[in-house]
Amino acid sequence: MLFNSLNHLDASTLIGAFSGAVIFVLSSDDYSKLYRMILGIVSFFGGVISSDFISEMVGPMLPHNVTLPQSVSALFSSAGIVRVLLFFSKNSSTIVEKIVEKNK
């Protein structure tokens, strides 16, 4: 099912997501090699899946004559998506507490 959704992508998007996953794996020295490989795979697929979303989110912030290619958004999203998820998983209780305290 996941591989069927990859059929519409071009090679540059896959290379961008792979490059972002490599950047993530090489920059995360605090995990074991097996865990880094698993997170690298998650990072690759997360980058491929979220590249459209990142393009649409960042695109309006750019000047009108600049477009963000899907390959570049795949690179950024795959390099950052696992970091963001790990941050929220480690700090989820404190983030929820801050939101609840702010709404009181």
N, C-alpha and C. Protein backbone atom coordinates (compact mmCIF):
# COMPACT_ATOMS: atom_id res chain seq x y z
N MET A 1 0.82 -1.19 0.00
CA MET A 1 0.00 0.00 0.00
C MET A 1 0.87 1.26 0.00
N LEU A 2 1.90 1.27 0.84
CA LEU A 2 2.77 2.44 0.90
C LEU A 2 3.57 2.59 -0.39
N PHE A 3 4.01 1.48 -0.95
CA PHE A 3 4.78 1.55 -2.19
C PHE A 3 3.91 1.95 -3.38
N ASN A 4 2.63 1.65 -3.33
CA ASN A 4 1.73 2.09 -4.40
C ASN A 4 1.59 3.60 -4.42
N SER A 5 1.71 4.24 -3.27
CA SER A 5 1.61 5.70 -3.22
C SER A 5 2.89 6.37 -3.73
N LEU A 6 3.97 5.62 -3.90
CA LEU A 6 5.22 6.19 -4.38
C LEU A 6 5.29 6.24 -5.89
N ASN A 7 4.33 5.67 -6.59
CA ASN A 7 4.38 5.61 -8.05
C ASN A 7 4.33 6.98 -8.71
N HIS A 8 3.62 7.94 -8.11
CA HIS A 8 3.47 9.26 -8.73
C HIS A 8 4.66 10.17 -8.49
N LEU A 9 5.62 9.75 -7.69
CA LEU A 9 6.75 10.61 -7.36
C LEU A 9 7.85 10.50 -8.40
N ASP A 10 8.55 11.59 -8.56
CA ASP A 10 9.69 11.56 -9.47
C ASP A 10 10.96 11.21 -8.70
N ALA A 11 12.02 10.97 -9.42
CA ALA A 11 13.27 10.53 -8.81
C ALA A 11 13.88 11.60 -7.92
N SER A 12 13.69 12.87 -8.27
CA SER A 12 14.29 13.93 -7.47
C SER A 12 13.69 14.01 -6.07
N THR A 13 12.40 13.71 -5.95
CA THR A 13 11.77 13.71 -4.63
C THR A 13 12.31 12.56 -3.78
N LEU A 14 12.47 11.40 -4.40
CA LEU A 14 13.02 10.26 -3.66
C LEU A 14 14.47 10.50 -3.25
N ILE A 15 15.25 11.13 -4.12
CA ILE A 15 16.63 11.45 -3.78
C ILE A 15 16.68 12.50 -2.68
N GLY A 16 15.79 13.48 -2.73
CA GLY A 16 15.74 14.48 -1.67
C GLY A 16 15.39 13.87 -0.32
N ALA A 17 14.41 12.97 -0.31
CA ALA A 17 14.02 12.31 0.95
C ALA A 17 15.15 11.42 1.45
N PHE A 18 15.83 10.73 0.53
CA PHE A 18 16.95 9.88 0.94
C PHE A 18 18.09 10.73 1.50
N SER A 19 18.36 11.86 0.89
CA SER A 19 19.42 12.75 1.38
C SER A 19 19.09 13.29 2.76
N GLY A 20 17.84 13.66 2.97
CA GLY A 20 17.44 14.12 4.30
C GLY A 20 17.55 13.03 5.34
N ALA A 21 17.21 11.80 4.97
CA ALA A 21 17.34 10.68 5.90
C ALA A 21 18.80 10.41 6.23
N VAL A 22 19.68 10.54 5.24
CA VAL A 22 21.11 10.36 5.48
C VAL A 22 21.62 11.45 6.41
N ILE A 23 21.19 12.69 6.19
CA ILE A 23 21.59 13.78 7.08
C ILE A 23 21.14 13.49 8.51
N PHE A 24 19.91 12.99 8.66
CA PHE A 24 19.42 12.68 10.00
C PHE A 24 20.24 11.56 10.64
N VAL A 25 20.51 10.49 9.90
CA VAL A 25 21.24 9.35 10.46
C VAL A 25 22.66 9.75 10.84
N LEU A 26 23.32 10.53 10.01
CA LEU A 26 24.69 10.95 10.31
C LEU A 26 24.77 11.95 11.46
N SER A 27 23.72 12.71 11.67
CA SER A 27 23.76 13.72 12.73
C SER A 27 23.24 13.23 14.07
N SER A 28 22.70 12.02 14.13
CA SER A 28 22.15 11.51 15.40
C SER A 28 23.10 10.48 15.98
N ASP A 29 24.07 10.97 16.74
CA ASP A 29 25.05 10.08 17.36
C ASP A 29 24.59 9.51 18.70
N ASP A 30 23.49 9.99 19.23
CA ASP A 30 23.05 9.58 20.56
C ASP A 30 22.22 8.29 20.56
N TYR A 31 22.08 7.63 19.42
CA TYR A 31 21.32 6.39 19.33
C TYR A 31 22.22 5.28 18.81
N SER A 32 21.81 4.03 19.04
CA SER A 32 22.58 2.90 18.52
C SER A 32 22.43 2.83 17.00
N LYS A 33 23.30 2.05 16.36
CA LYS A 33 23.28 1.97 14.90
C LYS A 33 21.97 1.39 14.37
N LEU A 34 21.46 0.36 15.03
CA LEU A 34 20.21 -0.26 14.59
C LEU A 34 19.06 0.73 14.73
N TYR A 35 19.00 1.43 15.84
CA TYR A 35 17.94 2.41 16.06
C TYR A 35 18.04 3.56 15.06
N ARG A 36 19.26 3.98 14.73
CA ARG A 36 19.44 5.03 13.73
C ARG A 36 18.98 4.57 12.36
N MET A 37 19.23 3.31 12.01
CA MET A 37 18.77 2.79 10.72
C MET A 37 17.25 2.75 10.65
N ILE A 38 16.62 2.32 11.73
CA ILE A 38 15.15 2.29 11.77
C ILE A 38 14.59 3.70 11.66
N LEU A 39 15.18 4.62 12.41
CA LEU A 39 14.74 6.02 12.33
C LEU A 39 15.03 6.62 10.96
N GLY A 40 16.10 6.18 10.31
CA GLY A 40 16.41 6.65 8.96
C GLY A 40 15.36 6.21 7.96
N ILE A 41 14.88 4.98 8.10
CA ILE A 41 13.81 4.48 7.21
C ILE A 41 12.53 5.26 7.46
N VAL A 42 12.21 5.49 8.72
CA VAL A 42 11.03 6.29 9.06
C VAL A 42 11.18 7.70 8.52
N SER A 43 12.38 8.24 8.62
CA SER A 43 12.64 9.58 8.12
C SER A 43 12.46 9.65 6.61
N PHE A 44 12.93 8.65 5.88
CA PHE A 44 12.78 8.62 4.43
C PHE A 44 11.32 8.61 4.02
N PHE A 45 10.55 7.68 4.59
CA PHE A 45 9.14 7.60 4.21
C PHE A 45 8.36 8.81 4.71
N GLY A 46 8.73 9.34 5.87
CA GLY A 46 8.08 10.55 6.34
C GLY A 46 8.36 11.73 5.43
N GLY A 47 9.57 11.82 4.91
CA GLY A 47 9.91 12.88 3.98
C GLY A 47 9.17 12.78 2.67
N VAL A 48 9.02 11.54 2.18
CA VAL A 48 8.29 11.34 0.93
C VAL A 48 6.82 11.70 1.11
N ILE A 49 6.24 11.26 2.21
CA ILE A 49 4.81 11.47 2.44
C ILE A 49 4.51 12.95 2.71
N SER A 50 5.37 13.63 3.47
CA SER A 50 5.06 14.99 3.88
C SER A 50 5.65 16.06 2.97
N SER A 51 6.27 15.69 1.87
CA SER A 51 6.90 16.70 1.01
C SER A 51 5.86 17.64 0.39
N ASP A 52 4.70 17.14 0.01
CA ASP A 52 3.65 18.01 -0.52
C ASP A 52 3.17 19.01 0.52
N PHE A 53 3.00 18.53 1.74
CA PHE A 53 2.54 19.39 2.83
C PHE A 53 3.54 20.51 3.11
N ILE A 54 4.82 20.16 3.15
CA ILE A 54 5.84 21.17 3.42
C ILE A 54 5.90 22.19 2.29
N SER A 55 5.77 21.73 1.05
CA SER A 55 5.76 22.66 -0.09
C SER A 55 4.61 23.65 0.02
N GLU A 56 3.44 23.16 0.37
CA GLU A 56 2.28 24.03 0.49
C GLU A 56 2.37 24.95 1.70
N MET A 57 3.03 24.51 2.75
CA MET A 57 3.13 25.30 3.95
C MET A 57 4.19 26.41 3.82
N VAL A 58 5.32 26.09 3.21
CA VAL A 58 6.41 27.05 3.09
C VAL A 58 6.23 27.94 1.87
N GLY A 59 5.56 27.45 0.84
CA GLY A 59 5.40 28.20 -0.40
C GLY A 59 4.86 29.61 -0.24
N PRO A 60 3.80 29.84 0.54
CA PRO A 60 3.29 31.21 0.71
C PRO A 60 4.25 32.15 1.43
N MET A 61 5.22 31.62 2.14
CA MET A 61 6.18 32.47 2.84
C MET A 61 7.31 32.94 1.94
N LEU A 62 7.44 32.34 0.76
CA LEU A 62 8.49 32.70 -0.18
C LEU A 62 8.02 33.83 -1.08
N PRO A 63 8.95 34.56 -1.67
CA PRO A 63 8.55 35.59 -2.65
C PRO A 63 7.80 34.96 -3.82
N HIS A 64 7.04 35.77 -4.53
CA HIS A 64 6.17 35.25 -5.58
C HIS A 64 6.91 34.61 -6.74
N ASN A 65 8.12 35.01 -7.01
CA ASN A 65 8.84 34.44 -8.13
C ASN A 65 9.69 33.22 -7.75
N VAL A 66 9.62 32.78 -6.50
CA VAL A 66 10.39 31.63 -6.04
C VAL A 66 9.43 30.49 -5.73
N THR A 67 9.72 29.33 -6.29
CA THR A 67 8.93 28.14 -5.98
C THR A 67 9.82 27.12 -5.28
N LEU A 68 9.24 26.38 -4.37
CA LEU A 68 9.97 25.36 -3.63
C LEU A 68 9.74 24.02 -4.32
N PRO A 69 10.79 23.45 -4.91
CA PRO A 69 10.60 22.14 -5.56
C PRO A 69 10.26 21.08 -4.53
N GLN A 70 9.55 20.07 -4.98
CA GLN A 70 9.15 18.99 -4.08
C GLN A 70 10.36 18.24 -3.55
N SER A 71 11.43 18.18 -4.31
CA SER A 71 12.63 17.48 -3.86
C SER A 71 13.27 18.19 -2.66
N VAL A 72 13.27 19.52 -2.68
CA VAL A 72 13.84 20.29 -1.57
C VAL A 72 12.97 20.16 -0.33
N SER A 73 11.66 20.19 -0.52
CA SER A 73 10.78 20.02 0.64
C SER A 73 10.88 18.61 1.19
N ALA A 74 11.13 17.61 0.34
CA ALA A 74 11.34 16.24 0.82
C ALA A 74 12.62 16.15 1.64
N LEU A 75 13.65 16.86 1.21
CA LEU A 75 14.91 16.89 1.96
C LEU A 75 14.71 17.47 3.34
N PHE A 76 14.07 18.65 3.41
CA PHE A 76 13.86 19.30 4.70
C PHE A 76 12.93 18.50 5.61
N SER A 77 11.87 17.96 5.04
CA SER A 77 10.92 17.24 5.87
C SER A 77 11.50 15.92 6.37
N SER A 78 12.26 15.21 5.55
CA SER A 78 12.83 13.96 6.03
C SER A 78 13.95 14.19 7.03
N ALA A 79 14.67 15.29 6.90
CA ALA A 79 15.72 15.58 7.87
C ALA A 79 15.14 16.02 9.21
N GLY A 80 13.97 16.62 9.20
CA GLY A 80 13.44 17.18 10.43
C GLY A 80 12.29 16.46 11.07
N ILE A 81 11.59 15.60 10.33
CA ILE A 81 10.34 15.03 10.85
C ILE A 81 10.57 14.12 12.05
N VAL A 82 11.62 13.32 12.03
CA VAL A 82 11.88 12.42 13.16
C VAL A 82 12.34 13.21 14.37
N ARG A 83 13.14 14.25 14.13
CA ARG A 83 13.56 15.10 15.26
C ARG A 83 12.36 15.73 15.95
N VAL A 84 11.43 16.22 15.18
CA VAL A 84 10.23 16.84 15.75
C VAL A 84 9.41 15.81 16.52
N LEU A 85 9.24 14.63 15.94
CA LEU A 85 8.47 13.58 16.61
C LEU A 85 9.15 13.12 17.90
N LEU A 86 10.47 12.98 17.88
CA LEU A 86 11.19 12.59 19.09
C LEU A 86 11.11 13.68 20.15
N PHE A 87 11.15 14.94 19.73
CA PHE A 87 11.03 16.05 20.68
C PHE A 87 9.67 16.00 21.37
N PHE A 88 8.60 15.83 20.58
CA PHE A 88 7.27 15.81 21.17
C PHE A 88 7.05 14.56 22.02
N SER A 89 7.65 13.45 21.67
CA SER A 89 7.46 12.24 22.47
C SER A 89 8.18 12.35 23.81
N LYS A 90 9.33 13.02 23.84
CA LYS A 90 10.07 13.19 25.09
C LYS A 90 9.44 14.26 25.97
N ASN A 91 8.88 15.30 25.37
CA ASN A 91 8.36 16.44 26.11
C ASN A 91 6.85 16.54 26.07
N SER A 92 6.18 15.45 25.78
CA SER A 92 4.73 15.53 25.59
C SER A 92 3.99 15.94 26.86
N SER A 93 4.41 15.44 28.01
CA SER A 93 3.70 15.79 29.24
C SER A 93 3.89 17.27 29.58
N THR A 94 5.08 17.80 29.40
CA THR A 94 5.30 19.20 29.73
C THR A 94 4.61 20.13 28.74
N ILE A 95 4.53 19.73 27.48
CA ILE A 95 3.84 20.55 26.48
C ILE A 95 2.35 20.60 26.78
N VAL A 96 1.77 19.47 27.10
CA VAL A 96 0.34 19.43 27.42
C VAL A 96 0.06 20.24 28.69
N GLU A 97 0.93 20.13 29.68
CA GLU A 97 0.74 20.90 30.90
C GLU A 97 0.79 22.41 30.64
N LYS A 98 1.71 22.85 29.78
CA LYS A 98 1.80 24.27 29.45
C LYS A 98 0.56 24.75 28.71
N ILE A 99 0.03 23.93 27.82
CA ILE A 99 -1.20 24.30 27.08
C ILE A 99 -2.38 24.40 28.03
N VAL A 100 -2.49 23.45 28.96
CA VAL A 100 -3.60 23.45 29.90
C VAL A 100 -3.50 24.65 30.83
N GLU A 101 -2.29 24.96 31.32
CA GLU A 101 -2.12 26.10 32.20
C GLU A 101 -2.41 27.42 31.48
N LYS A 102 -2.09 27.49 30.20
CA LYS A 102 -2.32 28.71 29.43
C LYS A 102 -3.81 28.95 29.22
N ASN A 103 -4.60 27.90 29.11
CA ASN A 103 -6.03 28.02 28.86
C ASN A 103 -6.84 28.21 30.12
N LYS A 104 -6.24 28.20 31.28
CA LYS A 104 -7.00 28.38 32.54
C LYS A 104 -7.36 29.82 32.75
